[in-house]
Amino acid sequence: MVVIVRLAALPAGDDRGGEVRRFFPLGARFAYMSQFTIRGTFQTKRGQNDFETTIDATNEDVAREHTYANFGSRHGCTRHQVEIEEVEAQ
C-alpha cells in the first residue's frame, strides 16, 4: 500500500507537485515479534571474540541486520568483521 502525504509548502524548484510517497505497510508496527538467539564471532584489534545475543525481531533476516547494526554502533565493527554462525528462534 502506498500512502501519499500532501505537503503545505515545498522548497523552491521542487517538482513533486505536492506529493511525497512513503512506502510502508500500515500494520507493520503490529507485526508479530519473535526472540532470536544469535551466536558468532567478531574481530577486534585484540583478536577474535565470541558472542551470543538475544534480539526481538519479526524474522531471521531482520535479527541478522539488527546484530550487524548493534556491533557497528557499539564496537565499530564492519559487517565483514562480524561472522554470524547460528540464528536460533526461541
PDB file of N, CA and C in Angstrom:
ATOM      1  N   MET A   1       0.836  -1.165   0.000  1.00  0.00           N
ATOM      2  CA  MET A   1       0.000   0.000   0.000  1.00  0.00           C
ATOM      3  C   MET A   1       0.883   1.231   0.000  1.00  0.00           C
ATOM      4  N   VAL A   2       0.552   2.209  -0.797  1.00  0.00           N
ATOM      5  CA  VAL A   2       1.294   3.453  -0.874  1.00  0.00           C
ATOM      6  C   VAL A   2       0.490   4.527  -0.173  1.00  0.00           C
ATOM      7  N   VAL A   3       1.125   5.229   0.727  1.00  0.00           N
ATOM      8  CA  VAL A   3       0.481   6.314   1.433  1.00  0.00           C
ATOM      9  C   VAL A   3       1.012   7.615   0.857  1.00  0.00           C
ATOM     10  N   ILE A   4       0.134   8.483   0.401  1.00  0.00           N
ATOM     11  CA  ILE A   4       0.525   9.756  -0.185  1.00  0.00           C
ATOM     12  C   ILE A   4       0.245  10.861   0.824  1.00  0.00           C
ATOM     13  N   VAL A   5       1.275  11.643   1.101  1.00  0.00           N
ATOM     14  CA  VAL A   5       1.158  12.735   2.061  1.00  0.00           C
ATOM     15  C   VAL A   5       1.295  14.043   1.302  1.00  0.00           C
ATOM     16  N   ARG A   6       0.348  14.936   1.473  1.00  0.00           N
ATOM     17  CA  ARG A   6       0.422  16.252   0.830  1.00  0.00           C
ATOM     18  C   ARG A   6       1.122  17.229   1.757  1.00  0.00           C
ATOM     19  N   LEU A   7       2.065  17.975   1.215  1.00  0.00           N
ATOM     20  CA  LEU A   7       2.788  18.974   1.988  1.00  0.00           C
ATOM     21  C   LEU A   7       2.226  20.356   1.686  1.00  0.00           C
ATOM     22  N   ALA A   8       2.202  21.202   2.693  1.00  0.00           N
ATOM     23  CA  ALA A   8       1.661  22.543   2.516  1.00  0.00           C
ATOM     24  C   ALA A   8       2.629  23.412   1.722  1.00  0.00           C
ATOM     25  N   ALA A   9       3.903  23.343   2.022  1.00  0.00           N
ATOM     26  CA  ALA A   9       4.887  24.179   1.333  1.00  0.00           C
ATOM     27  C   ALA A   9       6.093  23.333   0.977  1.00  0.00           C
ATOM     28  N   LEU A  10       6.513  23.414  -0.285  1.00  0.00           N
ATOM     29  CA  LEU A  10       7.687  22.698  -0.748  1.00  0.00           C
ATOM     30  C   LEU A  10       8.789  23.693  -1.080  1.00  0.00           C
ATOM     31  N   PRO A  11      10.039  23.282  -1.005  1.00  0.00           N
ATOM     32  CA  PRO A  11      11.134  24.179  -1.360  1.00  0.00           C
ATOM     33  C   PRO A  11      11.041  24.620  -2.819  1.00  0.00           C
ATOM     34  N   ALA A  12      11.625  25.781  -3.111  1.00  0.00           N
ATOM     35  CA  ALA A  12      11.614  26.307  -4.478  1.00  0.00           C
ATOM     36  C   ALA A  12      12.318  25.330  -5.418  1.00  0.00           C
ATOM     37  N   GLY A  13      11.747  25.117  -6.584  1.00  0.00           N
ATOM     38  CA  GLY A  13      12.334  24.229  -7.567  1.00  0.00           C
ATOM     39  C   GLY A  13      11.952  22.769  -7.387  1.00  0.00           C
ATOM     40  N   ASP A  14      11.137  22.462  -6.414  1.00  0.00           N
ATOM     41  CA  ASP A  14      10.716  21.088  -6.188  1.00  0.00           C
ATOM     42  C   ASP A  14       9.591  20.766  -7.158  1.00  0.00           C
ATOM     43  N   ASP A  15       9.727  19.690  -7.921  1.00  0.00           N
ATOM     44  CA  ASP A  15       8.753  19.381  -8.971  1.00  0.00           C
ATOM     45  C   ASP A  15       7.901  18.160  -8.633  1.00  0.00           C
ATOM     46  N   ARG A  16       7.724  17.844  -7.357  1.00  0.00           N
ATOM     47  CA  ARG A  16       6.923  16.681  -6.992  1.00  0.00           C
ATOM     48  C   ARG A  16       5.431  16.961  -7.035  1.00  0.00           C
ATOM     49  N   GLY A  17       5.052  18.184  -7.230  1.00  0.00           N
ATOM     50  CA  GLY A  17       3.641  18.504  -7.326  1.00  0.00           C
ATOM     51  C   GLY A  17       2.906  18.388  -6.003  1.00  0.00           C
ATOM     52  N   GLY A  18       3.605  18.522  -4.905  1.00  0.00           N
ATOM     53  CA  GLY A  18       2.956  18.485  -3.601  1.00  0.00           C
ATOM     54  C   GLY A  18       2.758  17.097  -3.030  1.00  0.00           C
ATOM     55  N   GLU A  19       3.300  16.054  -3.688  1.00  0.00           N
ATOM     56  CA  GLU A  19       3.128  14.696  -3.189  1.00  0.00           C
ATOM     57  C   GLU A  19       4.467  14.115  -2.765  1.00  0.00           C
ATOM     58  N   VAL A  20       4.468  13.472  -1.639  1.00  0.00           N
ATOM     59  CA  VAL A  20       5.625  12.718  -1.166  1.00  0.00           C
ATOM     60  C   VAL A  20       5.127  11.304  -0.915  1.00  0.00           C
ATOM     61  N   ARG A  21       5.785  10.342  -1.498  1.00  0.00           N
ATOM     62  CA  ARG A  21       5.334   8.957  -1.353  1.00  0.00           C
ATOM     63  C   ARG A  21       6.133   8.276  -0.247  1.00  0.00           C
ATOM     64  N   ARG A  22       5.418   7.649   0.635  1.00  0.00           N
ATOM     65  CA  ARG A  22       6.025   6.888   1.721  1.00  0.00           C
ATOM     66  C   ARG A  22       5.619   5.430   1.525  1.00  0.00           C
ATOM     67  N   PHE A  23       6.578   4.542   1.470  1.00  0.00           N
ATOM     68  CA  PHE A  23       6.296   3.134   1.256  1.00  0.00           C
ATOM     69  C   PHE A  23       6.475   2.382   2.569  1.00  0.00           C
ATOM     70  N   PHE A  24       5.394   2.046   3.204  1.00  0.00           N
ATOM     71  CA  PHE A  24       5.429   1.227   4.395  1.00  0.00           C
ATOM     72  C   PHE A  24       4.065   0.601   4.593  1.00  0.00           C
ATOM     73  N   PRO A  25       4.034  -0.631   5.068  1.00  0.00           N
ATOM     74  CA  PRO A  25       2.738  -1.247   5.345  1.00  0.00           C
ATOM     75  C   PRO A  25       2.118  -0.613   6.575  1.00  0.00           C
ATOM     76  N   LEU A  26       0.832  -0.369   6.527  1.00  0.00           N
ATOM     77  CA  LEU A  26       0.173   0.326   7.627  1.00  0.00           C
ATOM     78  C   LEU A  26       0.148  -0.500   8.905  1.00  0.00           C
ATOM     79  N   GLY A  27       0.143  -1.811   8.818  1.00  0.00           N
ATOM     80  CA  GLY A  27       0.088  -2.633  10.009  1.00  0.00           C
ATOM     81  C   GLY A  27       1.436  -3.146  10.470  1.00  0.00           C
ATOM     82  N   ALA A  28       2.540  -2.570  10.009  1.00  0.00           N
ATOM     83  CA  ALA A  28       3.869  -3.091  10.304  1.00  0.00           C
ATOM     84  C   ALA A  28       4.218  -3.011  11.785  1.00  0.00           C
ATOM     85  N   ARG A  29       3.760  -2.010  12.485  1.00  0.00           N
ATOM     86  CA  ARG A  29       4.147  -1.885  13.882  1.00  0.00           C
ATOM     87  C   ARG A  29       3.427  -2.897  14.767  1.00  0.00           C
ATOM     88  N   PHE A  30       2.410  -3.559  14.244  1.00  0.00           N
ATOM     89  CA  PHE A  30       1.691  -4.564  14.996  1.00  0.00           C
ATOM     90  C   PHE A  30       2.103  -5.979  14.602  1.00  0.00           C
ATOM     91  N   ALA A  31       3.206  -6.106  13.870  1.00  0.00           N
ATOM     92  CA  ALA A  31       3.666  -7.412  13.409  1.00  0.00           C
ATOM     93  C   ALA A  31       4.132  -8.254  14.593  1.00  0.00           C
ATOM     94  N   TYR A  32       4.021  -9.549  14.452  1.00  0.00           N
ATOM     95  CA  TYR A  32       4.403 -10.487  15.492  1.00  0.00           C
ATOM     96  C   TYR A  32       5.923 -10.489  15.650  1.00  0.00           C
ATOM     97  N   MET A  33       6.413 -10.325  16.885  1.00  0.00           N
ATOM     98  CA  MET A  33       7.845 -10.305  17.158  1.00  0.00           C
ATOM     99  C   MET A  33       8.238 -11.613  17.834  1.00  0.00           C
ATOM    100  N   SER A  34       9.350 -12.177  17.393  1.00  0.00           N
ATOM    101  CA  SER A  34       9.906 -13.380  17.995  1.00  0.00           C
ATOM    102  C   SER A  34      11.272 -13.050  18.579  1.00  0.00           C
ATOM    103  N   GLN A  35      11.732 -13.889  19.487  1.00  0.00           N
ATOM    104  CA  GLN A  35      13.069 -13.735  20.022  1.00  0.00           C
ATOM    105  C   GLN A  35      14.003 -14.679  19.289  1.00  0.00           C
ATOM    106  N   PHE A  36      15.171 -14.165  18.907  1.00  0.00           N
ATOM    107  CA  PHE A  36      16.183 -14.945  18.225  1.00  0.00           C
ATOM    108  C   PHE A  36      17.473 -14.872  19.026  1.00  0.00           C
ATOM    109  N   THR A  37      18.128 -16.021  19.206  1.00  0.00           N
ATOM    110  CA  THR A  37      19.447 -16.068  19.818  1.00  0.00           C
ATOM    111  C   THR A  37      20.460 -16.195  18.700  1.00  0.00           C
ATOM    112  N   ILE A  38      21.420 -15.282  18.676  1.00  0.00           N
ATOM    113  CA  ILE A  38      22.406 -15.220  17.601  1.00  0.00           C
ATOM    114  C   ILE A  38      23.778 -15.470  18.202  1.00  0.00           C
ATOM    115  N   ARG A  39      24.511 -16.416  17.623  1.00  0.00           N
ATOM    116  CA  ARG A  39      25.853 -16.748  18.078  1.00  0.00           C
ATOM    117  C   ARG A  39      26.835 -16.558  16.940  1.00  0.00           C
ATOM    118  N   GLY A  40      28.047 -16.153  17.304  1.00  0.00           N
ATOM    119  CA  GLY A  40      29.082 -15.978  16.299  1.00  0.00           C
ATOM    120  C   GLY A  40      30.337 -15.385  16.892  1.00  0.00           C
ATOM    121  N   THR A  41      31.176 -14.819  16.025  1.00  0.00           N
ATOM    122  CA  THR A  41      32.420 -14.182  16.444  1.00  0.00           C
ATOM    123  C   THR A  41      32.524 -12.816  15.788  1.00  0.00           C
ATOM    124  N   PHE A  42      33.316 -11.944  16.412  1.00  0.00           N
ATOM    125  CA  PHE A  42      33.617 -10.662  15.788  1.00  0.00           C
ATOM    126  C   PHE A  42      35.081 -10.329  16.007  1.00  0.00           C
ATOM    127  N   GLN A  43      35.657  -9.620  15.043  1.00  0.00           N
ATOM    128  CA  GLN A  43      37.076  -9.294  15.031  1.00  0.00           C
ATOM    129  C   GLN A  43      37.300  -7.939  15.693  1.00  0.00           C
ATOM    130  N   THR A  44      38.275  -7.895  16.613  1.00  0.00           N
ATOM    131  CA  THR A  44      38.705  -6.632  17.213  1.00  0.00           C
ATOM    132  C   THR A  44      40.215  -6.516  17.030  1.00  0.00           C
ATOM    133  N   LYS A  45      40.774  -5.437  17.530  1.00  0.00           N
ATOM    134  CA  LYS A  45      42.223  -5.257  17.428  1.00  0.00           C
ATOM    135  C   LYS A  45      42.975  -6.308  18.236  1.00  0.00           C
ATOM    136  N   ARG A  46      42.344  -6.837  19.264  1.00  0.00           N
ATOM    137  CA  ARG A  46      42.981  -7.823  20.133  1.00  0.00           C
ATOM    138  C   ARG A  46      42.746  -9.265  19.677  1.00  0.00           C
ATOM    139  N   GLY A  47      41.931  -9.476  18.653  1.00  0.00           N
ATOM    140  CA  GLY A  47      41.682 -10.828  18.159  1.00  0.00           C
ATOM    141  C   GLY A  47      40.200 -11.125  18.021  1.00  0.00           C
ATOM    142  N   GLN A  48      39.896 -12.404  17.854  1.00  0.00           N
ATOM    143  CA  GLN A  48      38.516 -12.864  17.693  1.00  0.00           C
ATOM    144  C   GLN A  48      37.836 -12.965  19.057  1.00  0.00           C
ATOM    145  N   ASN A  49      36.592 -12.545  19.135  1.00  0.00           N
ATOM    146  CA  ASN A  49      35.786 -12.671  20.344  1.00  0.00           C
ATOM    147  C   ASN A  49      34.488 -13.382  20.001  1.00  0.00           C
ATOM    148  N   ASP A  50      34.060 -14.302  20.856  1.00  0.00           N
ATOM    149  CA  ASP A  50      32.778 -14.979  20.684  1.00  0.00           C
ATOM    150  C   ASP A  50      31.676 -14.112  21.261  1.00  0.00           C
ATOM    151  N   PHE A  51      30.475 -14.247  20.709  1.00  0.00           N
ATOM    152  CA  PHE A  51      29.334 -13.525  21.256  1.00  0.00           C
ATOM    153  C   PHE A  51      28.083 -14.375  21.165  1.00  0.00           C
ATOM    154  N   GLU A  52      27.147 -14.056  22.024  1.00  0.00           N
ATOM    155  CA  GLU A  52      25.806 -14.617  21.991  1.00  0.00           C
ATOM    156  C   GLU A  52      24.870 -13.511  22.433  1.00  0.00           C
ATOM    157  N   THR A  53      23.875 -13.209  21.623  1.00  0.00           N
ATOM    158  CA  THR A  53      22.951 -12.133  21.932  1.00  0.00           C
ATOM    159  C   THR A  53      21.529 -12.562  21.596  1.00  0.00           C
ATOM    160  N   THR A  54      20.561 -11.974  22.283  1.00  0.00           N
ATOM    161  CA  THR A  54      19.153 -12.242  22.031  1.00  0.00           C
ATOM    162  C   THR A  54      18.500 -10.968  21.522  1.00  0.00           C
ATOM    163  N   ILE A  55      17.774 -11.091  20.411  1.00  0.00           N
ATOM    164  CA  ILE A  55      17.172  -9.924  19.759  1.00  0.00           C
ATOM    165  C   ILE A  55      15.717 -10.220  19.440  1.00  0.00           C
ATOM    166  N   ASP A  56      14.849  -9.241  19.660  1.00  0.00           N
ATOM    167  CA  ASP A  56      13.447  -9.327  19.239  1.00  0.00           C
ATOM    168  C   ASP A  56      13.352  -8.825  17.807  1.00  0.00           C
ATOM    169  N   ALA A  57      12.800  -9.639  16.921  1.00  0.00           N
ATOM    170  CA  ALA A  57      12.678  -9.261  15.515  1.00  0.00           C
ATOM    171  C   ALA A  57      11.508 -10.010  14.887  1.00  0.00           C
ATOM    172  N   THR A  58      11.081  -9.525  13.718  1.00  0.00           N
ATOM    173  CA  THR A  58       9.964 -10.152  13.025  1.00  0.00           C
ATOM    174  C   THR A  58      10.365 -11.441  12.315  1.00  0.00           C
ATOM    175  N   ASN A  59      11.634 -11.520  11.839  1.00  0.00           N
ATOM    176  CA  ASN A  59      12.109 -12.749  11.197  1.00  0.00           C
ATOM    177  C   ASN A  59      13.628 -12.840  11.335  1.00  0.00           C
ATOM    178  N   GLU A  60      14.188 -13.920  10.810  1.00  0.00           N
ATOM    179  CA  GLU A  60      15.617 -14.187  10.962  1.00  0.00           C
ATOM    180  C   GLU A  60      16.487 -13.138  10.270  1.00  0.00           C
ATOM    181  N   ASP A  61      16.079 -12.686   9.089  1.00  0.00           N
ATOM    182  CA  ASP A  61      16.861 -11.695   8.359  1.00  0.00           C
ATOM    183  C   ASP A  61      16.933 -10.364   9.113  1.00  0.00           C
ATOM    184  N   VAL A  62      15.833  -9.959   9.716  1.00  0.00           N
ATOM    185  CA  VAL A  62      15.812  -8.718  10.485  1.00  0.00           C
ATOM    186  C   VAL A  62      16.694  -8.865  11.723  1.00  0.00           C
ATOM    187  N   ALA A  63      16.697 -10.037  12.336  1.00  0.00           N
ATOM    188  CA  ALA A  63      17.548 -10.280  13.500  1.00  0.00           C
ATOM    189  C   ALA A  63      19.028 -10.173  13.119  1.00  0.00           C
ATOM    190  N   ARG A  64      19.389 -10.708  11.955  1.00  0.00           N
ATOM    191  CA  ARG A  64      20.778 -10.582  11.474  1.00  0.00           C
ATOM    192  C   ARG A  64      21.149  -9.117  11.256  1.00  0.00           C
ATOM    193  N   GLU A  65      20.267  -8.363  10.632  1.00  0.00           N
ATOM    194  CA  GLU A  65      20.547  -6.945  10.367  1.00  0.00           C
ATOM    195  C   GLU A  65      20.707  -6.157  11.661  1.00  0.00           C
ATOM    196  N   HIS A  66      19.867  -6.442  12.663  1.00  0.00           N
ATOM    197  CA  HIS A  66      19.992  -5.769  13.957  1.00  0.00           C
ATOM    198  C   HIS A  66      21.324  -6.110  14.619  1.00  0.00           C
ATOM    199  N   THR A  67      21.757  -7.360  14.462  1.00  0.00           N
ATOM    200  CA  THR A  67      23.040  -7.762  15.035  1.00  0.00           C
ATOM    201  C   THR A  67      24.184  -6.998  14.394  1.00  0.00           C
ATOM    202  N   TYR A  68      24.197  -6.922  13.065  1.00  0.00           N
ATOM    203  CA  TYR A  68      25.238  -6.155  12.376  1.00  0.00           C
ATOM    204  C   TYR A  68      25.211  -4.687  12.814  1.00  0.00           C
ATOM    205  N   ALA A  69      24.032  -4.108  12.925  1.00  0.00           N
ATOM    206  CA  ALA A  69      23.909  -2.698  13.315  1.00  0.00           C
ATOM    207  C   ALA A  69      24.402  -2.478  14.746  1.00  0.00           C
ATOM    208  N   ASN A  70      24.056  -3.398  15.649  1.00  0.00           N
ATOM    209  CA  ASN A  70      24.493  -3.258  17.039  1.00  0.00           C
ATOM    210  C   ASN A  70      26.013  -3.342  17.161  1.00  0.00           C
ATOM    211  N   PHE A  71      26.639  -4.276  16.472  1.00  0.00           N
ATOM    212  CA  PHE A  71      28.096  -4.382  16.549  1.00  0.00           C
ATOM    213  C   PHE A  71      28.769  -3.195  15.877  1.00  0.00           C
ATOM    214  N   GLY A  72      28.166  -2.672  14.842  1.00  0.00           N
ATOM    215  CA  GLY A  72      28.730  -1.485  14.212  1.00  0.00           C
ATOM    216  C   GLY A  72      28.688  -0.273  15.121  1.00  0.00           C
ATOM    217  N   SER A  73      27.586  -0.089  15.822  1.00  0.00           N
ATOM    218  CA  SER A  73      27.453   1.095  16.669  1.00  0.00           C
ATOM    219  C   SER A  73      28.191   0.937  18.002  1.00  0.00           C
ATOM    220  N   ARG A  74      28.183  -0.246  18.583  1.00  0.00           N
ATOM    221  CA  ARG A  74      28.798  -0.436  19.898  1.00  0.00           C
ATOM    222  C   ARG A  74      30.294  -0.703  19.846  1.00  0.00           C
ATOM    223  N   HIS A  75      30.743  -1.436  18.821  1.00  0.00           N
ATOM    224  CA  HIS A  75      32.147  -1.850  18.763  1.00  0.00           C
ATOM    225  C   HIS A  75      32.893  -1.278  17.564  1.00  0.00           C
ATOM    226  N   GLY A  76      32.205  -0.596  16.669  1.00  0.00           N
ATOM    227  CA  GLY A  76      32.856  -0.043  15.486  1.00  0.00           C
ATOM    228  C   GLY A  76      33.256  -1.091  14.465  1.00  0.00           C
ATOM    229  N   CYS A  77      32.589  -2.241  14.480  1.00  0.00           N
ATOM    230  CA  CYS A  77      32.905  -3.334  13.550  1.00  0.00           C
ATOM    231  C   CYS A  77      32.120  -3.170  12.255  1.00  0.00           C
ATOM    232  N   THR A  78      32.758  -3.527  11.145  1.00  0.00           N
ATOM    233  CA  THR A  78      32.041  -3.580   9.877  1.00  0.00           C
ATOM    234  C   THR A  78      31.389  -4.958   9.750  1.00  0.00           C
ATOM    235  N   ARG A  79      30.550  -5.122   8.754  1.00  0.00           N
ATOM    236  CA  ARG A  79      29.876  -6.408   8.538  1.00  0.00           C
ATOM    237  C   ARG A  79      30.872  -7.526   8.254  1.00  0.00           C
ATOM    238  N   HIS A  80      31.995  -7.176   7.626  1.00  0.00           N
ATOM    239  CA  HIS A  80      32.999  -8.194   7.304  1.00  0.00           C
ATOM    240  C   HIS A  80      33.716  -8.697   8.554  1.00  0.00           C
ATOM    241  N   GLN A  81      33.678  -7.916   9.635  1.00  0.00           N
ATOM    242  CA  GLN A  81      34.340  -8.316  10.871  1.00  0.00           C
ATOM    243  C   GLN A  81      33.419  -9.112  11.794  1.00  0.00           C
ATOM    244  N   VAL A  82      32.144  -9.204  11.467  1.00  0.00           N
ATOM    245  CA  VAL A  82      31.182  -9.951  12.280  1.00  0.00           C
ATOM    246  C   VAL A  82      30.791 -11.200  11.507  1.00  0.00           C
ATOM    247  N   GLU A  83      30.993 -12.362  12.115  1.00  0.00           N
ATOM    248  CA  GLU A  83      30.616 -13.628  11.490  1.00  0.00           C
ATOM    249  C   GLU A  83      29.527 -14.280  12.318  1.00  0.00           C
ATOM    250  N   ILE A  84      28.331 -14.348  11.756  1.00  0.00           N
ATOM    251  CA  ILE A  84      27.197 -14.970  12.431  1.00  0.00           C
ATOM    252  C   ILE A  84      27.199 -16.444  12.067  1.00  0.00           C
ATOM    253  N   GLU A  85      27.324 -17.293  13.103  1.00  0.00           N
ATOM    254  CA  GLU A  85      27.400 -18.730  12.877  1.00  0.00           C
ATOM    255  C   GLU A  85      26.049 -19.423  13.015  1.00  0.00           C
ATOM    256  N   GLU A  86      25.190 -18.896  13.898  1.00  0.00           N
ATOM    257  CA  GLU A  86      23.917 -19.573  14.164  1.00  0.00           C
ATOM    258  C   GLU A  86      22.857 -18.557  14.556  1.00  0.00           C
ATOM    259  N   VAL A  87      21.667 -18.723  13.998  1.00  0.00           N
ATOM    260  CA  VAL A  87      20.490 -17.935  14.396  1.00  0.00           C
ATOM    261  C   VAL A  87      19.419 -18.940  14.793  1.00  0.00           C
ATOM    262  N   GLU A  88      18.970 -18.843  16.027  1.00  0.00           N
ATOM    263  CA  GLU A  88      18.017 -19.810  16.565  1.00  0.00           C
ATOM    264  C   GLU A  88      16.782 -19.086  17.086  1.00  0.00           C
ATOM    265  N   ALA A  89      15.612 -19.475  16.608  1.00  0.00           N
ATOM    266  CA  ALA A  89      14.369 -18.893  17.096  1.00  0.00           C
ATOM    267  C   ALA A  89      13.995 -19.535  18.422  1.00  0.00           C
ATOM    268  N   GLN A  90      13.462 -18.726  19.322  1.00  0.00           N
ATOM    269  CA  GLN A  90      13.064 -19.258  20.632  1.00  0.00           C
ATOM    270  C   GLN A  90      11.564 -19.303  20.752  1.00  0.00           C
TER     271      GLN A  90
END
